[in-house]
């Protein structure tokens, strides 16, 4: 897969606390209430995660046709209209406990997003 300039001309930082930041890095280590400074954020699972365990944060870009169709259908069912993603950016916070939760109470939130095909 080749990423064209329209997909590579911005910074998207994956943060350990369930946040994606755009343009500027976001290094806040707590889950304070919004709004936060001037950061542009996507917060699919805003929490104070503890990554000292076997937890991890992983991301990938996919152009797998089966996934593209599946995600397009889910988005159309949820929001209506016509949508076909060109590619997917997938982030998984894997087996992450929060600082305020016991270590045996882990979560595996996932964020999947992508631009529409022209």
Protein backbone atom coordinates (compact mmCIF):
# COMPACT_ATOMS: atom_id res chain seq x y z
CA UNK A 1 0.00 0.00 0.00
CA UNK A 2 1.28 3.45 -0.88
CA UNK A 3 0.19 6.38 1.27
CA UNK A 4 -0.39 9.44 -0.85
CA UNK A 5 0.33 12.98 0.43
CA UNK A 6 -3.27 13.60 1.48
CA UNK A 7 -2.90 10.78 4.03
CA UNK A 8 0.59 11.64 5.24
CA UNK A 9 0.46 15.41 5.59
CA UNK A 10 -0.75 15.47 9.19
CA UNK A 11 0.50 14.15 12.51
CA UNK A 12 -1.67 11.59 14.26
CA UNK A 13 -0.23 10.56 17.60
CA UNK A 14 -1.52 7.52 19.47
CA UNK A 15 -1.53 8.29 23.20
CA UNK A 16 -1.43 5.63 25.90
CA UNK A 17 -4.52 7.09 27.63
CA UNK A 18 -7.00 6.20 24.90
CA UNK A 19 -6.56 9.46 22.98
CA UNK A 20 -5.44 10.31 19.44
CA UNK A 21 -4.01 13.78 18.96
CA UNK A 22 -3.84 15.69 15.70
CA UNK A 23 -1.12 18.14 14.59
CA UNK A 24 0.63 18.44 17.96
CA UNK A 25 1.77 15.74 20.40
CA UNK A 26 -0.38 15.25 23.49
CA UNK A 27 1.61 14.18 26.52
CA UNK A 28 -0.92 14.56 29.33
CA UNK A 29 -0.74 11.53 31.62
CA UNK A 30 -4.09 12.03 33.33
CA UNK A 31 -7.68 11.89 32.15
CA UNK A 32 -8.73 15.41 33.04
CA UNK A 33 -12.18 16.64 31.89
CA UNK A 34 -12.54 18.32 28.50
CA UNK A 35 -11.86 20.83 27.04
CA UNK A 36 -8.09 20.56 27.19
CA UNK A 37 -5.89 23.42 26.01
CA UNK A 38 -5.74 23.84 22.25
CA UNK A 39 -5.04 20.23 21.35
CA UNK A 40 -7.15 18.66 18.62
CA UNK A 41 -8.11 15.29 20.09
CA UNK A 42 -10.10 12.21 19.23
CA UNK A 43 -10.90 10.41 22.45
CA UNK A 44 -12.42 7.01 21.70
CA UNK A 45 -11.63 5.71 25.21
CA UNK A 46 -10.33 8.53 27.44
CA UNK A 47 -9.00 6.94 30.60
CA UNK A 48 -5.95 6.91 32.85
CA UNK A 49 -4.49 3.58 31.69
CA UNK A 50 -1.71 1.76 33.49
CA UNK A 51 0.73 0.22 31.01
CA UNK A 52 3.07 -1.24 33.64
CA UNK A 53 1.44 -4.65 33.14
CA UNK A 54 1.33 -6.85 30.03
CA UNK A 55 -0.78 -4.18 28.36
CA UNK A 56 0.13 -2.62 25.05
CA UNK A 57 -0.95 -0.08 22.48
CA UNK A 58 -0.82 -1.14 18.84
CA UNK A 59 -1.80 0.50 15.58
CA UNK A 60 -1.83 -0.35 11.89
CA UNK A 61 -3.09 0.90 8.55
CA UNK A 62 -5.12 -1.51 6.45
CA UNK A 63 -6.48 -1.55 2.94
CA UNK A 64 -7.93 -5.06 3.33
CA UNK A 65 -11.05 -5.09 1.13
CA UNK A 66 -13.07 -7.28 3.53
CA UNK A 67 -12.41 -4.89 6.43
CA UNK A 68 -13.12 -1.83 4.26
CA UNK A 69 -16.54 -3.20 3.27
CA UNK A 70 -17.37 -4.29 6.83
CA UNK A 71 -16.49 -0.90 8.32
CA UNK A 72 -18.34 0.93 5.53
CA UNK A 73 -21.50 -1.07 6.25
CA UNK A 74 -21.25 -0.44 10.01
CA UNK A 75 -20.86 3.31 9.47
CA UNK A 76 -23.78 3.47 7.03
CA UNK A 77 -25.99 1.52 9.47
CA UNK A 78 -25.07 3.86 12.32
CA UNK A 79 -25.18 7.20 10.49
CA UNK A 80 -27.03 6.61 7.21
CA UNK A 81 -25.86 7.81 3.84
CA UNK A 82 -23.25 6.23 1.63
CA UNK A 83 -19.72 5.61 2.90
CA UNK A 84 -16.79 3.59 1.57
CA UNK A 85 -13.47 4.03 3.37
CA UNK A 86 -10.29 4.28 1.28
CA UNK A 87 -8.17 2.78 4.06
CA UNK A 88 -8.43 2.14 7.78
CA UNK A 89 -6.34 3.32 10.71
CA UNK A 90 -6.82 0.80 13.53
CA UNK A 91 -5.66 1.37 17.11
CA UNK A 92 -6.01 -1.20 19.89
CA UNK A 93 -5.30 -0.58 23.55
CA UNK A 94 -4.72 -4.23 24.50
CA UNK A 95 -5.40 -5.58 28.00
CA UNK A 96 -5.15 -2.15 29.61
CA UNK A 97 -6.22 -1.67 33.22
CA UNK A 98 -6.91 1.79 34.51
CA UNK A 99 -5.00 3.20 37.46
CA UNK A 100 -8.29 3.33 39.37
CA UNK A 101 -9.24 -0.28 38.47
CA UNK A 102 -7.86 -3.57 39.78
CA UNK A 103 -5.30 -5.19 37.45
CA UNK A 104 -7.70 -8.06 36.76
CA UNK A 105 -10.22 -5.59 35.27
CA UNK A 106 -8.66 -4.96 31.88
CA UNK A 107 -10.12 -3.51 28.70
CA UNK A 108 -9.36 -3.86 25.01
CA UNK A 109 -10.85 -0.75 23.40
CA UNK A 110 -10.31 -0.25 19.69
CA UNK A 111 -10.62 2.76 17.40
CA UNK A 112 -11.12 2.28 13.67
CA UNK A 113 -11.28 5.28 11.37
CA UNK A 114 -10.52 6.17 7.82
CA UNK A 115 -11.08 8.69 5.04
CA UNK A 116 -13.86 8.19 2.50
CA UNK A 117 -13.07 7.13 -1.04
CA UNK A 118 -13.41 9.90 -3.59
